[in-house]
């Protein structure tokens, strides 16, 4: 079982930055690929970024590419999402997700097995 807890959300002006954190429990963290998703009011939950278990491979949604950087520290059981040049359309609840061992490269909700409770990001114009 993996428990994920996100933090770091908040209110920021357009053009600003935020860094999201996701702390994971469990001894298999360093063998799990991880992802960030987001869900805006009235919209489906969408993929934002993913990272391989070792951190050497990252991939992003087109909507955030060049503005977001996902990273991880396996010694701290934590993944991060650095978000820069934020836009009002980035406003959403951001969720951290983990794939079970053996899964890699997921971009859809069905490919992730564990979810956090989410952290709210609001970008004002």
Protein backbone atom coordinates (compact mmCIF):
# COMPACT_ATOMS: atom_id res chain seq x y z
CA UNK A 1 0.00 0.00 0.00
CA UNK A 2 1.20 3.49 -0.87
CA UNK A 3 -0.10 6.64 0.80
CA UNK A 4 0.49 9.95 -0.95
CA UNK A 5 0.16 13.39 0.62
CA UNK A 6 0.39 16.55 -1.47
CA UNK A 7 1.23 20.05 -0.24
CA UNK A 8 2.44 23.36 -1.58
CA UNK A 9 -0.68 24.61 -3.27
CA UNK A 10 -1.99 28.11 -2.78
CA UNK A 11 -2.99 31.39 -4.38
CA UNK A 12 -0.56 33.02 -6.78
CA UNK A 13 -0.74 35.78 -9.38
CA UNK A 14 -0.42 35.04 -13.06
CA UNK A 15 3.22 34.81 -14.02
CA UNK A 16 4.22 33.55 -10.60
CA UNK A 17 5.59 30.22 -9.44
CA UNK A 18 4.65 27.43 -7.06
CA UNK A 19 6.35 24.22 -6.02
CA UNK A 20 4.17 21.27 -5.17
CA UNK A 21 5.31 18.42 -2.97
CA UNK A 22 4.13 14.84 -2.70
CA UNK A 23 5.32 12.75 0.23
CA UNK A 24 4.95 9.00 -0.18
CA UNK A 25 4.87 6.21 2.34
CA UNK A 26 5.94 2.66 1.63
CA UNK A 27 9.21 0.90 0.92
CA UNK A 28 8.64 0.55 -2.82
CA UNK A 29 8.66 4.26 -3.66
CA UNK A 30 11.98 4.11 -5.48
CA UNK A 31 10.59 1.43 -7.81
CA UNK A 32 7.39 3.29 -8.69
CA UNK A 33 6.84 5.67 -11.56
CA UNK A 34 4.95 8.76 -10.44
CA UNK A 35 2.69 11.35 -11.99
CA UNK A 36 0.92 14.63 -11.41
CA UNK A 37 -2.63 15.22 -12.59
CA UNK A 38 -4.98 18.14 -12.18
CA UNK A 39 -8.72 18.70 -12.19
CA UNK A 40 -10.39 22.05 -12.76
CA UNK A 41 -14.02 22.65 -11.77
CA UNK A 42 -16.38 20.96 -14.22
CA UNK A 43 -13.56 19.28 -16.12
CA UNK A 44 -12.05 15.84 -16.29
CA UNK A 45 -8.88 15.03 -14.40
CA UNK A 46 -5.96 15.46 -16.79
CA UNK A 47 -2.35 14.38 -16.92
CA UNK A 48 0.27 17.03 -16.17
CA UNK A 49 3.64 15.29 -15.77
CA UNK A 50 5.26 11.93 -15.16
CA UNK A 51 8.61 10.64 -13.97
CA UNK A 52 10.30 7.25 -14.03
CA UNK A 53 11.22 5.43 -10.84
CA UNK A 54 14.85 6.54 -10.97
CA UNK A 55 14.04 10.06 -12.09
CA UNK A 56 15.95 9.88 -15.35
CA UNK A 57 12.91 10.21 -17.59
CA UNK A 58 10.29 12.92 -17.35
CA UNK A 59 7.44 13.75 -19.70
CA UNK A 60 4.81 16.46 -19.77
CA UNK A 61 1.46 17.47 -21.14
CA UNK A 62 1.76 19.97 -23.98
CA UNK A 63 -0.16 22.52 -21.92
CA UNK A 64 2.61 22.74 -19.31
CA UNK A 65 5.72 21.79 -21.27
CA UNK A 66 8.44 24.38 -20.75
CA UNK A 67 6.71 25.80 -17.67
CA UNK A 68 6.72 22.81 -15.31
CA UNK A 69 9.48 20.55 -14.06
CA UNK A 70 8.85 17.29 -12.25
CA UNK A 71 11.56 15.77 -10.10
CA UNK A 72 11.96 13.30 -7.26
CA UNK A 73 14.20 12.56 -4.30
CA UNK A 74 14.02 8.85 -3.56
CA UNK A 75 16.00 9.28 -0.35
CA UNK A 76 13.18 11.50 0.94
CA UNK A 77 10.29 9.56 -0.67
CA UNK A 78 9.15 12.81 -2.27
CA UNK A 79 8.25 14.04 -5.73
CA UNK A 80 8.04 17.67 -6.73
CA UNK A 81 6.32 19.75 -9.38
CA UNK A 82 7.90 23.13 -10.01
CA UNK A 83 5.44 25.36 -11.85
CA UNK A 84 6.57 28.65 -13.38
CA UNK A 85 4.89 31.29 -15.53
CA UNK A 86 1.56 30.23 -14.11
CA UNK A 87 -1.62 31.10 -15.97
CA UNK A 88 -5.22 31.40 -14.74
CA UNK A 89 -6.02 28.24 -16.70
CA UNK A 90 -3.62 26.34 -14.45
CA UNK A 91 -6.14 26.76 -11.62
CA UNK A 92 -7.12 23.28 -10.45
CA UNK A 93 -6.75 20.70 -7.74
CA UNK A 94 -3.42 18.96 -8.31
CA UNK A 95 -3.09 15.26 -7.52
CA UNK A 96 -0.04 13.11 -7.06
CA UNK A 97 -0.31 9.52 -8.30
CA UNK A 98 1.82 6.39 -8.23
CA UNK A 99 2.00 3.42 -10.54
CA UNK A 100 2.51 -0.02 -9.09
CA UNK A 101 5.85 -1.66 -9.75
CA UNK A 102 6.23 -2.72 -13.34
CA UNK A 103 4.13 0.04 -14.87
CA UNK A 104 5.87 2.90 -16.64
CA UNK A 105 5.05 5.94 -18.70
CA UNK A 106 1.40 6.46 -17.82
CA UNK A 107 -0.60 9.43 -19.09
CA UNK A 108 -4.11 8.28 -18.23
CA UNK A 109 -5.85 7.92 -14.88
CA UNK A 110 -6.33 4.19 -15.40
CA UNK A 111 -2.60 3.64 -15.47
CA UNK A 112 -2.11 4.88 -11.91
CA UNK A 113 -2.90 2.83 -8.85
CA UNK A 114 -2.52 5.15 -5.88
CA UNK A 115 -3.70 8.74 -5.43
CA UNK A 116 -3.27 11.55 -2.97
CA UNK A 117 -6.05 13.79 -1.72
CA UNK A 118 -5.01 16.78 -3.83
CA UNK A 119 -3.79 20.31 -3.24
CA UNK A 120 -5.55 23.41 -4.56
CA UNK A 121 -3.77 25.82 -6.90
CA UNK A 122 -5.44 29.12 -7.75
CA UNK A 123 -3.88 31.50 -10.24
CA UNK A 124 -5.35 34.98 -10.29
CA UNK A 125 -5.25 37.20 -13.36
